[in-house]
Amino acid sequence: MTKVLVIHGAGMNMRGKVQTEIFGPMTLPEYDERIRGYAKELGLEVEIFHSNVEGQVIDKIYAASDAGVDAAIFNPAAFGSGYPALVAALSQVKFPTIEVHISNPVRRGPGSETAKVSQGMVTGFGVAGYALALRGLKELLAAKK
């Protein structure tokens, strides 16, 4: 079964608690439940990881590459810019990465640096962006076989 790592970056644990006018009322555990449902519908296995610590995210990315994970979805949240080691890690792994944002971050400021090394990007569709990213990765991986 195709395995996808879903990474939630810094501040995602605050979803549903702050800035609900931008990100909505869903909490991170509710996101995870929805993502698992989307993956199940598509016949994909997901591992979900969250950290507010850049080094832990980098370690997880490298470990996933070593473990043969097929693809990743990354919501960098506060890690979108100013984290060159994270950008380097994403550029060095064997699998494609799709960056997901609940809102459209470009409307609020500069674009994401991590998106520059991602296969693609889904923004502004709320939690449904994860479903779009999973579907896109499934199609991308099938085309490579």
N, C-alpha and C. Protein backbone atom coordinates (compact mmCIF):
# COMPACT_ATOMS: atom_id res chain seq x y z
N MET A 1 0.84 -1.18 0.00
CA MET A 1 0.00 0.00 0.00
C MET A 1 0.89 1.24 0.00
N THR A 2 0.51 2.23 -0.76
CA THR A 2 1.24 3.49 -0.82
C THR A 2 1.17 4.20 0.52
N LYS A 3 2.35 4.63 1.00
CA LYS A 3 2.42 5.29 2.30
C LYS A 3 2.78 6.76 2.12
N VAL A 4 1.98 7.63 2.74
CA VAL A 4 2.18 9.06 2.66
C VAL A 4 2.39 9.61 4.07
N LEU A 5 3.45 10.37 4.23
CA LEU A 5 3.71 11.06 5.49
C LEU A 5 3.06 12.43 5.42
N VAL A 6 2.27 12.76 6.42
CA VAL A 6 1.66 14.09 6.53
C VAL A 6 2.34 14.80 7.68
N ILE A 7 2.94 15.95 7.38
CA ILE A 7 3.66 16.71 8.41
C ILE A 7 2.93 18.03 8.65
N HIS A 8 2.62 18.28 9.90
CA HIS A 8 2.06 19.56 10.32
C HIS A 8 3.18 20.35 11.00
N GLY A 9 3.44 21.55 10.52
CA GLY A 9 4.51 22.37 11.06
C GLY A 9 4.12 23.20 12.26
N ALA A 10 5.02 24.11 12.58
CA ALA A 10 4.91 24.93 13.79
C ALA A 10 3.61 25.71 13.86
N GLY A 11 2.94 25.58 14.97
CA GLY A 11 1.72 26.32 15.23
C GLY A 11 0.44 25.61 14.85
N MET A 12 0.55 24.48 14.16
CA MET A 12 -0.67 23.77 13.75
C MET A 12 -1.46 23.28 14.96
N ASN A 13 -0.81 23.08 16.09
CA ASN A 13 -1.52 22.66 17.30
C ASN A 13 -2.46 23.76 17.82
N MET A 14 -2.33 24.95 17.28
CA MET A 14 -3.19 26.07 17.69
C MET A 14 -4.44 26.22 16.81
N ARG A 15 -4.56 25.39 15.79
CA ARG A 15 -5.74 25.47 14.92
C ARG A 15 -7.00 25.22 15.75
N GLY A 16 -8.02 26.01 15.47
CA GLY A 16 -9.27 25.93 16.20
C GLY A 16 -9.27 26.73 17.50
N LYS A 17 -8.10 27.25 17.87
CA LYS A 17 -7.96 28.01 19.12
C LYS A 17 -7.71 29.50 18.87
N VAL A 18 -6.95 29.80 17.82
CA VAL A 18 -6.62 31.18 17.48
C VAL A 18 -6.79 31.37 15.97
N GLN A 19 -6.94 32.59 15.54
CA GLN A 19 -7.07 32.95 14.13
C GLN A 19 -8.15 32.12 13.42
N THR A 20 -9.23 31.85 14.11
CA THR A 20 -10.31 31.07 13.50
C THR A 20 -10.96 31.80 12.34
N GLU A 21 -10.83 33.11 12.29
CA GLU A 21 -11.36 33.87 11.15
C GLU A 21 -10.59 33.56 9.87
N ILE A 22 -9.36 33.09 9.98
CA ILE A 22 -8.54 32.71 8.82
C ILE A 22 -8.61 31.21 8.57
N PHE A 23 -8.42 30.42 9.64
CA PHE A 23 -8.25 28.98 9.49
C PHE A 23 -9.47 28.15 9.85
N GLY A 24 -10.49 28.77 10.42
CA GLY A 24 -11.70 28.05 10.79
C GLY A 24 -11.60 27.44 12.18
N PRO A 25 -12.67 26.76 12.60
CA PRO A 25 -12.76 26.25 13.96
C PRO A 25 -12.18 24.85 14.19
N MET A 26 -11.76 24.16 13.13
CA MET A 26 -11.26 22.79 13.31
C MET A 26 -9.96 22.76 14.10
N THR A 27 -9.84 21.78 14.99
CA THR A 27 -8.61 21.57 15.75
C THR A 27 -7.71 20.59 15.00
N LEU A 28 -6.46 20.52 15.42
CA LEU A 28 -5.52 19.61 14.76
C LEU A 28 -5.98 18.15 14.83
N PRO A 29 -6.48 17.65 15.98
CA PRO A 29 -6.99 16.27 15.98
C PRO A 29 -8.14 16.06 14.99
N GLU A 30 -8.97 17.08 14.80
CA GLU A 30 -10.04 16.98 13.81
C GLU A 30 -9.49 16.95 12.39
N TYR A 31 -8.44 17.72 12.12
CA TYR A 31 -7.76 17.65 10.82
C TYR A 31 -7.27 16.22 10.59
N ASP A 32 -6.58 15.68 11.59
CA ASP A 32 -6.00 14.34 11.46
C ASP A 32 -7.07 13.30 11.17
N GLU A 33 -8.19 13.39 11.86
CA GLU A 33 -9.28 12.44 11.63
C GLU A 33 -9.79 12.55 10.19
N ARG A 34 -9.95 13.76 9.71
CA ARG A 34 -10.43 13.97 8.34
C ARG A 34 -9.41 13.45 7.33
N ILE A 35 -8.12 13.72 7.57
CA ILE A 35 -7.06 13.26 6.66
C ILE A 35 -7.05 11.74 6.60
N ARG A 36 -7.17 11.08 7.74
CA ARG A 36 -7.21 9.61 7.74
C ARG A 36 -8.40 9.09 6.93
N GLY A 37 -9.53 9.78 7.02
CA GLY A 37 -10.71 9.41 6.23
C GLY A 37 -10.47 9.57 4.74
N TYR A 38 -9.87 10.67 4.34
CA TYR A 38 -9.54 10.90 2.93
C TYR A 38 -8.60 9.80 2.42
N ALA A 39 -7.58 9.49 3.22
CA ALA A 39 -6.61 8.46 2.81
C ALA A 39 -7.28 7.10 2.66
N LYS A 40 -8.14 6.76 3.60
CA LYS A 40 -8.83 5.47 3.54
C LYS A 40 -9.67 5.38 2.27
N GLU A 41 -10.39 6.43 1.92
CA GLU A 41 -11.19 6.45 0.69
C GLU A 41 -10.34 6.20 -0.55
N LEU A 42 -9.09 6.66 -0.53
CA LEU A 42 -8.20 6.53 -1.67
C LEU A 42 -7.33 5.28 -1.61
N GLY A 43 -7.45 4.50 -0.54
CA GLY A 43 -6.63 3.31 -0.40
C GLY A 43 -5.17 3.62 -0.11
N LEU A 44 -4.92 4.70 0.61
CA LEU A 44 -3.57 5.11 0.97
C LEU A 44 -3.36 4.95 2.47
N GLU A 45 -2.15 4.66 2.85
CA GLU A 45 -1.77 4.62 4.26
C GLU A 45 -1.13 5.96 4.61
N VAL A 46 -1.54 6.55 5.72
CA VAL A 46 -0.92 7.81 6.13
C VAL A 46 -0.32 7.68 7.52
N GLU A 47 0.78 8.35 7.68
CA GLU A 47 1.38 8.57 8.99
C GLU A 47 1.34 10.07 9.20
N ILE A 48 0.83 10.52 10.32
CA ILE A 48 0.70 11.95 10.58
C ILE A 48 1.64 12.35 11.71
N PHE A 49 2.36 13.43 11.48
CA PHE A 49 3.37 13.90 12.42
C PHE A 49 3.23 15.41 12.58
N HIS A 50 3.34 15.88 13.82
CA HIS A 50 3.35 17.32 14.09
C HIS A 50 4.50 17.65 15.02
N SER A 51 5.15 18.78 14.73
CA SER A 51 6.15 19.30 15.66
C SER A 51 6.27 20.80 15.48
N ASN A 52 6.55 21.46 16.59
CA ASN A 52 6.86 22.89 16.58
C ASN A 52 8.37 23.11 16.54
N VAL A 53 9.14 22.04 16.41
CA VAL A 53 10.59 22.11 16.45
C VAL A 53 11.15 21.73 15.08
N GLU A 54 11.84 22.67 14.45
CA GLU A 54 12.37 22.46 13.09
C GLU A 54 13.21 21.19 12.99
N GLY A 55 14.11 20.99 13.93
CA GLY A 55 15.00 19.82 13.87
C GLY A 55 14.24 18.50 13.89
N GLN A 56 13.17 18.44 14.65
CA GLN A 56 12.35 17.22 14.70
C GLN A 56 11.67 16.96 13.35
N VAL A 57 11.23 18.03 12.69
CA VAL A 57 10.61 17.88 11.37
C VAL A 57 11.66 17.40 10.37
N ILE A 58 12.84 17.97 10.41
CA ILE A 58 13.92 17.56 9.51
C ILE A 58 14.26 16.10 9.75
N ASP A 59 14.42 15.70 11.00
CA ASP A 59 14.72 14.30 11.31
C ASP A 59 13.63 13.37 10.77
N LYS A 60 12.37 13.77 10.90
CA LYS A 60 11.26 12.95 10.43
C LYS A 60 11.29 12.81 8.90
N ILE A 61 11.61 13.89 8.21
CA ILE A 61 11.70 13.85 6.75
C ILE A 61 12.79 12.88 6.31
N TYR A 62 13.96 12.98 6.89
CA TYR A 62 15.06 12.07 6.53
C TYR A 62 14.74 10.62 6.90
N ALA A 63 14.16 10.40 8.07
CA ALA A 63 13.79 9.04 8.48
C ALA A 63 12.76 8.46 7.52
N ALA A 64 11.80 9.26 7.08
CA ALA A 64 10.79 8.79 6.13
C ALA A 64 11.44 8.39 4.81
N SER A 65 12.41 9.16 4.37
CA SER A 65 13.11 8.83 3.13
C SER A 65 13.85 7.50 3.28
N ASP A 66 14.53 7.34 4.41
CA ASP A 66 15.26 6.08 4.67
C ASP A 66 14.32 4.89 4.78
N ALA A 67 13.09 5.12 5.28
CA ALA A 67 12.12 4.05 5.50
C ALA A 67 11.33 3.70 4.23
N GLY A 68 11.55 4.45 3.15
CA GLY A 68 10.85 4.13 1.91
C GLY A 68 9.46 4.70 1.79
N VAL A 69 9.14 5.76 2.53
CA VAL A 69 7.85 6.42 2.37
C VAL A 69 7.73 6.85 0.91
N ASP A 70 6.52 6.74 0.36
CA ASP A 70 6.31 7.02 -1.06
C ASP A 70 6.15 8.50 -1.38
N ALA A 71 5.61 9.28 -0.46
CA ALA A 71 5.34 10.69 -0.71
C ALA A 71 5.05 11.39 0.61
N ALA A 72 5.02 12.72 0.56
CA ALA A 72 4.70 13.49 1.77
C ALA A 72 3.82 14.67 1.43
N ILE A 73 3.01 15.03 2.40
CA ILE A 73 2.24 16.27 2.38
C ILE A 73 2.77 17.09 3.54
N PHE A 74 3.08 18.34 3.27
CA PHE A 74 3.68 19.19 4.29
C PHE A 74 2.90 20.48 4.40
N ASN A 75 2.36 20.74 5.59
CA ASN A 75 1.79 22.05 5.89
C ASN A 75 2.81 22.73 6.79
N PRO A 76 3.65 23.61 6.23
CA PRO A 76 4.73 24.18 7.03
C PRO A 76 4.26 25.13 8.11
N ALA A 77 3.05 25.70 7.96
CA ALA A 77 2.56 26.70 8.90
C ALA A 77 3.66 27.74 9.11
N ALA A 78 4.14 27.93 10.32
CA ALA A 78 5.14 28.96 10.58
C ALA A 78 6.53 28.62 10.05
N PHE A 79 6.71 27.43 9.49
CA PHE A 79 8.00 27.05 8.91
C PHE A 79 8.10 27.40 7.43
N GLY A 80 7.19 28.18 6.89
CA GLY A 80 7.17 28.46 5.46
C GLY A 80 8.34 29.28 4.95
N SER A 81 8.90 30.14 5.79
CA SER A 81 10.03 30.95 5.34
C SER A 81 11.01 31.15 6.48
N GLY A 82 12.29 31.29 6.10
CA GLY A 82 13.33 31.52 7.09
C GLY A 82 13.90 30.25 7.71
N TYR A 83 13.72 29.11 7.05
CA TYR A 83 14.21 27.83 7.58
C TYR A 83 14.99 27.08 6.49
N PRO A 84 16.22 27.54 6.17
CA PRO A 84 16.97 26.95 5.07
C PRO A 84 17.30 25.47 5.27
N ALA A 85 17.49 25.01 6.50
CA ALA A 85 17.79 23.60 6.72
C ALA A 85 16.58 22.73 6.36
N LEU A 86 15.41 23.23 6.62
CA LEU A 86 14.18 22.51 6.28
C LEU A 86 14.00 22.46 4.76
N VAL A 87 14.27 23.56 4.09
CA VAL A 87 14.21 23.59 2.62
C VAL A 87 15.20 22.58 2.06
N ALA A 88 16.40 22.54 2.61
CA ALA A 88 17.41 21.60 2.14
C ALA A 88 16.96 20.16 2.34
N ALA A 89 16.38 19.86 3.49
CA ALA A 89 15.92 18.49 3.76
C ALA A 89 14.86 18.07 2.75
N LEU A 90 13.91 18.94 2.48
CA LEU A 90 12.86 18.60 1.52
C LEU A 90 13.42 18.39 0.12
N SER A 91 14.46 19.12 -0.22
CA SER A 91 15.04 19.00 -1.56
C SER A 91 15.91 17.74 -1.71
N GLN A 92 16.27 17.10 -0.61
CA GLN A 92 17.19 15.97 -0.65
C GLN A 92 16.54 14.61 -0.55
N VAL A 93 15.23 14.55 -0.34
CA VAL A 93 14.59 13.25 -0.16
C VAL A 93 14.17 12.65 -1.50
N LYS A 94 13.91 11.34 -1.47
CA LYS A 94 13.61 10.58 -2.68
C LYS A 94 12.17 10.73 -3.14
N PHE A 95 11.29 11.16 -2.26
CA PHE A 95 9.85 11.16 -2.56
C PHE A 95 9.34 12.57 -2.90
N PRO A 96 8.23 12.64 -3.65
CA PRO A 96 7.61 13.94 -3.93
C PRO A 96 6.88 14.47 -2.70
N THR A 97 6.86 15.79 -2.61
CA THR A 97 6.18 16.47 -1.52
C THR A 97 5.18 17.46 -2.10
N ILE A 98 3.99 17.47 -1.54
CA ILE A 98 2.99 18.46 -1.88
C ILE A 98 2.80 19.35 -0.65
N GLU A 99 2.92 20.65 -0.85
CA GLU A 99 2.71 21.58 0.25
C GLU A 99 1.24 21.97 0.30
N VAL A 100 0.67 21.96 1.50
CA VAL A 100 -0.74 22.29 1.70
C VAL A 100 -0.85 23.44 2.69
N HIS A 101 -1.74 24.38 2.35
CA HIS A 101 -2.07 25.47 3.26
C HIS A 101 -3.59 25.56 3.35
N ILE A 102 -4.10 25.70 4.54
CA ILE A 102 -5.54 25.81 4.78
C ILE A 102 -6.08 27.07 4.11
N SER A 103 -5.37 28.17 4.26
CA SER A 103 -5.74 29.43 3.62
C SER A 103 -4.76 29.68 2.48
N ASN A 104 -4.83 30.86 1.89
CA ASN A 104 -3.87 31.23 0.85
C ASN A 104 -2.83 32.15 1.49
N PRO A 105 -1.64 31.62 1.80
CA PRO A 105 -0.66 32.42 2.52
C PRO A 105 -0.15 33.62 1.74
N VAL A 106 -0.22 33.58 0.44
CA VAL A 106 0.27 34.69 -0.37
C VAL A 106 -0.58 35.94 -0.13
N ARG A 107 -1.82 35.75 0.26
CA ARG A 107 -2.69 36.89 0.57
C ARG A 107 -2.23 37.62 1.83
N ARG A 108 -1.45 36.92 2.67
CA ARG A 108 -1.03 37.52 3.95
C ARG A 108 0.43 37.96 3.96
N GLY A 109 1.20 37.60 2.94
CA GLY A 109 2.61 37.97 2.96
C GLY A 109 3.39 37.24 1.89
N PRO A 110 4.69 37.17 2.07
CA PRO A 110 5.53 36.53 1.05
C PRO A 110 5.22 35.03 0.93
N GLY A 111 5.52 34.49 -0.24
CA GLY A 111 5.28 33.08 -0.50
C GLY A 111 6.19 32.18 0.31
N SER A 112 5.85 30.92 0.33
CA SER A 112 6.57 29.92 1.09
C SER A 112 7.87 29.52 0.40
N GLU A 113 8.94 29.46 1.15
CA GLU A 113 10.23 29.01 0.63
C GLU A 113 10.24 27.49 0.46
N THR A 114 9.53 26.78 1.33
CA THR A 114 9.52 25.32 1.21
C THR A 114 8.73 24.88 -0.01
N ALA A 115 7.80 25.71 -0.50
CA ALA A 115 7.05 25.36 -1.70
C ALA A 115 7.95 25.29 -2.92
N LYS A 116 9.05 26.01 -2.91
CA LYS A 116 9.97 26.04 -4.04
C LYS A 116 10.61 24.68 -4.31
N VAL A 117 10.65 23.81 -3.30
CA VAL A 117 11.26 22.49 -3.48
C VAL A 117 10.20 21.38 -3.43
N SER A 118 8.94 21.76 -3.45
CA SER A 118 7.85 20.79 -3.43
C SER A 118 7.40 20.48 -4.85
N GLN A 119 6.84 19.29 -5.04
CA GLN A 119 6.30 18.89 -6.33
C GLN A 119 5.14 19.79 -6.74
N GLY A 120 4.31 20.16 -5.76
CA GLY A 120 3.15 21.00 -6.03
C GLY A 120 2.67 21.66 -4.77
N MET A 121 1.60 22.43 -4.90
CA MET A 121 1.09 23.19 -3.77
C MET A 121 -0.42 23.31 -3.88
N VAL A 122 -1.12 23.13 -2.75
CA VAL A 122 -2.57 23.29 -2.68
C VAL A 122 -2.84 24.32 -1.59
N THR A 123 -3.51 25.41 -1.95
CA THR A 123 -3.77 26.46 -0.97
C THR A 123 -5.22 26.94 -1.05
N GLY A 124 -5.73 27.33 0.10
CA GLY A 124 -7.00 28.03 0.16
C GLY A 124 -8.26 27.18 0.14
N PHE A 125 -8.15 25.85 0.25
CA PHE A 125 -9.33 24.99 0.21
C PHE A 125 -9.67 24.40 1.57
N GLY A 126 -9.11 24.94 2.63
CA GLY A 126 -9.37 24.41 3.95
C GLY A 126 -8.83 22.99 4.07
N VAL A 127 -9.45 22.21 4.93
CA VAL A 127 -8.98 20.84 5.16
C VAL A 127 -9.13 19.98 3.90
N ALA A 128 -10.02 20.37 2.99
CA ALA A 128 -10.18 19.63 1.73
C ALA A 128 -8.91 19.68 0.88
N GLY A 129 -8.03 20.62 1.16
CA GLY A 129 -6.75 20.68 0.46
C GLY A 129 -5.94 19.42 0.65
N TYR A 130 -6.08 18.78 1.81
CA TYR A 130 -5.38 17.52 2.05
C TYR A 130 -5.92 16.42 1.13
N ALA A 131 -7.23 16.41 0.92
CA ALA A 131 -7.82 15.42 0.02
C ALA A 131 -7.30 15.63 -1.40
N LEU A 132 -7.23 16.89 -1.83
CA LEU A 132 -6.71 17.19 -3.16
C LEU A 132 -5.25 16.75 -3.28
N ALA A 133 -4.47 17.03 -2.26
CA ALA A 133 -3.05 16.64 -2.29
C ALA A 133 -2.89 15.12 -2.31
N LEU A 134 -3.67 14.41 -1.51
CA LEU A 134 -3.60 12.95 -1.50
C LEU A 134 -3.97 12.38 -2.87
N ARG A 135 -5.03 12.90 -3.45
CA ARG A 135 -5.46 12.44 -4.78
C ARG A 135 -4.37 12.72 -5.81
N GLY A 136 -3.80 13.91 -5.76
CA GLY A 136 -2.73 14.26 -6.68
C GLY A 136 -1.52 13.36 -6.54
N LEU A 137 -1.14 13.07 -5.31
CA LEU A 137 0.00 12.18 -5.09
C LEU A 137 -0.28 10.77 -5.58
N LYS A 138 -1.50 10.29 -5.36
CA LYS A 138 -1.87 8.95 -5.83
C LYS A 138 -1.72 8.88 -7.35
N GLU A 139 -2.22 9.88 -8.05
CA GLU A 139 -2.12 9.93 -9.52
C GLU A 139 -0.66 10.05 -9.96
N LEU A 140 0.08 10.89 -9.30
CA LEU A 140 1.50 11.09 -9.65
C LEU A 140 2.28 9.80 -9.48
N LEU A 141 2.08 9.12 -8.36
CA LEU A 141 2.82 7.87 -8.10
C LEU A 141 2.40 6.77 -9.06
N ALA A 142 1.12 6.71 -9.40
CA ALA A 142 0.64 5.69 -10.35
C ALA A 142 1.25 5.91 -11.73
N ALA A 143 1.41 7.15 -12.12
CA ALA A 143 1.98 7.48 -13.43
C ALA A 143 3.46 7.10 -13.52
N LYS A 144 4.14 7.05 -12.37
CA LYS A 144 5.56 6.71 -12.35
C LYS A 144 5.81 5.21 -12.38
N LYS A 145 4.75 4.40 -12.17
CA LYS A 145 4.93 2.95 -12.13
C LYS A 145 4.96 2.35 -13.52
